[in-house]
Amino acid sequence: MKELLIAIVTGLVEKPEEITVNADEVNEEGVVVYHLHVSEDDMGRVIGRQGRIAKAIRTVMRAAAARNDEKIQVEIE
């Protein structure tokens, strides 16, 4: 899942070397939280107008997780 998130975001940003993803342990609800960190300059590209790109990233990641019977959440920081 981490590799998929990095692959999606790499195509959006100008500084792909600054992408980091940290995953928390599974919480009591069975959800894994992924924390995505990008360069300050690329933050607007990842979030998009009115959060559309961020919403699309979260949708794709949830769909991929559902195929593996997982629950995930993506936090963009």
C-alpha atoms as a PDB file:
ATOM      1  CA  MET A   1       0.000   0.000   0.000  1.00  0.00           C
ATOM      2  CA  LYS A   2       2.846   2.331   0.846  1.00  0.00           C
ATOM      3  CA  GLU A   3       4.414   1.756  -2.575  1.00  0.00           C
ATOM      4  CA  LEU A   4       1.111   2.493  -4.315  1.00  0.00           C
ATOM      5  CA  LEU A   5       0.724   5.789  -2.468  1.00  0.00           C
ATOM      6  CA  ILE A   6       4.275   6.810  -3.363  1.00  0.00           C
ATOM      7  CA  ALA A   7       3.706   5.852  -7.016  1.00  0.00           C
ATOM      8  CA  ILE A   8       0.551   7.960  -7.233  1.00  0.00           C
ATOM      9  CA  VAL A   9       2.074  11.032  -5.606  1.00  0.00           C
ATOM     10  CA  THR A  10       5.371  10.825  -7.522  1.00  0.00           C
ATOM     11  CA  GLY A  11       3.557  11.730 -10.731  1.00  0.00           C
ATOM     12  CA  LEU A  12       2.083  14.850  -9.162  1.00  0.00           C
ATOM     13  CA  VAL A  13       5.024  16.528  -7.454  1.00  0.00           C
ATOM     14  CA  GLU A  14       8.118  18.379  -8.702  1.00  0.00           C
ATOM     15  CA  LYS A  15      10.363  17.077  -5.898  1.00  0.00           C
ATOM     16  CA  PRO A  16       9.705  13.318  -5.677  1.00  0.00           C
ATOM     17  CA  GLU A  17      12.813  12.803  -3.538  1.00  0.00           C
ATOM     18  CA  GLU A  18      11.074  14.607  -0.656  1.00  0.00           C
ATOM     19  CA  ILE A  19       8.102  12.217  -0.489  1.00  0.00           C
ATOM     20  CA  THR A  20       7.911  10.224   2.734  1.00  0.00           C
ATOM     21  CA  VAL A  21       5.161   7.910   3.922  1.00  0.00           C
ATOM     22  CA  ASN A  22       4.833   6.672   7.489  1.00  0.00           C
ATOM     23  CA  ALA A  23       2.290   4.045   8.476  1.00  0.00           C
ATOM     24  CA  ASP A  24       0.842   3.687  11.952  1.00  0.00           C
ATOM     25  CA  GLU A  25       0.016   0.344  13.494  1.00  0.00           C
ATOM     26  CA  VAL A  26      -3.516  -0.996  13.118  1.00  0.00           C
ATOM     27  CA  ASN A  27      -5.740   0.862  15.582  1.00  0.00           C
ATOM     28  CA  GLU A  28      -8.640  -0.543  17.616  1.00  0.00           C
ATOM     29  CA  GLU A  29     -11.026  -0.032  14.679  1.00  0.00           C
ATOM     30  CA  GLY A  30      -8.774  -2.015  12.322  1.00  0.00           C
ATOM     31  CA  VAL A  31      -7.642   1.043  10.363  1.00  0.00           C
ATOM     32  CA  VAL A  32      -4.072   1.727   9.262  1.00  0.00           C
ATOM     33  CA  VAL A  33      -3.276   5.455   8.971  1.00  0.00           C
ATOM     34  CA  TYR A  34      -0.738   6.484   6.338  1.00  0.00           C
ATOM     35  CA  HIS A  35       0.922   9.882   6.847  1.00  0.00           C
ATOM     36  CA  LEU A  36       2.057  11.424   3.561  1.00  0.00           C
ATOM     37  CA  HIS A  37       4.704  14.163   3.735  1.00  0.00           C
ATOM     38  CA  VAL A  38       5.638  16.195   0.653  1.00  0.00           C
ATOM     39  CA  SER A  39       7.614  19.367   0.034  1.00  0.00           C
ATOM     40  CA  GLU A  40       5.899  22.605   1.048  1.00  0.00           C
ATOM     41  CA  ASP A  41       6.074  23.710  -2.604  1.00  0.00           C
ATOM     42  CA  ASP A  42       4.239  20.556  -3.748  1.00  0.00           C
ATOM     43  CA  MET A  43       1.486  20.659  -1.127  1.00  0.00           C
ATOM     44  CA  GLY A  44      -0.911  22.516  -3.432  1.00  0.00           C
ATOM     45  CA  ARG A  45      -0.354  20.001  -6.212  1.00  0.00           C
ATOM     46  CA  VAL A  46      -1.191  17.076  -3.937  1.00  0.00           C
ATOM     47  CA  ILE A  47      -4.272  18.707  -2.405  1.00  0.00           C
ATOM     48  CA  GLY A  48      -5.645  20.281  -5.583  1.00  0.00           C
ATOM     49  CA  ARG A  49      -8.429  22.789  -5.999  1.00  0.00           C
ATOM     50  CA  GLN A  50     -10.992  22.378  -3.247  1.00  0.00           C
ATOM     51  CA  GLY A  51      -9.214  19.156  -2.239  1.00  0.00           C
ATOM     52  CA  ARG A  52     -10.222  17.221  -5.343  1.00  0.00           C
ATOM     53  CA  ILE A  53      -6.865  15.530  -5.922  1.00  0.00           C
ATOM     54  CA  ALA A  54      -6.512  14.617  -2.238  1.00  0.00           C
ATOM     55  CA  LYS A  55     -10.002  13.118  -2.305  1.00  0.00           C
ATOM     56  CA  ALA A  56      -9.155  11.131  -5.447  1.00  0.00           C
ATOM     57  CA  ILE A  57      -5.939   9.806  -3.858  1.00  0.00           C
ATOM     58  CA  ARG A  58      -7.875   8.701  -0.771  1.00  0.00           C
ATOM     59  CA  THR A  59     -10.549   7.029  -2.932  1.00  0.00           C
ATOM     60  CA  VAL A  60      -8.002   5.040  -4.944  1.00  0.00           C
ATOM     61  CA  MET A  61      -6.143   3.994  -1.803  1.00  0.00           C
ATOM     62  CA  ARG A  62      -9.356   2.865  -0.054  1.00  0.00           C
ATOM     63  CA  ALA A  63     -10.349   0.855  -3.130  1.00  0.00           C
ATOM     64  CA  ALA A  64      -6.951  -0.851  -3.249  1.00  0.00           C
ATOM     65  CA  ALA A  65      -7.121  -1.594   0.472  1.00  0.00           C
ATOM     66  CA  ALA A  66     -10.594  -3.065   0.113  1.00  0.00           C
ATOM     67  CA  ARG A  67      -9.239  -5.591  -2.377  1.00  0.00           C
ATOM     68  CA  ASN A  68      -6.844  -6.768   0.353  1.00  0.00           C
ATOM     69  CA  ASP A  69      -9.536  -6.728   3.078  1.00  0.00           C
ATOM     70  CA  GLU A  70      -7.844  -3.796   4.816  1.00  0.00           C
ATOM     71  CA  LYS A  71      -9.080  -0.436   6.036  1.00  0.00           C
ATOM     72  CA  ILE A  72      -6.840   2.560   5.562  1.00  0.00           C
ATOM     73  CA  GLN A  73      -6.842   6.307   5.975  1.00  0.00           C
ATOM     74  CA  VAL A  74      -4.496   8.766   4.254  1.00  0.00           C
ATOM     75  CA  GLU A  75      -3.399  11.941   6.057  1.00  0.00           C
ATOM     76  CA  ILE A  76      -1.601  14.561   3.978  1.00  0.00           C
ATOM     77  CA  GLU A  77       0.811  16.595   6.076  1.00  0.00           C
END
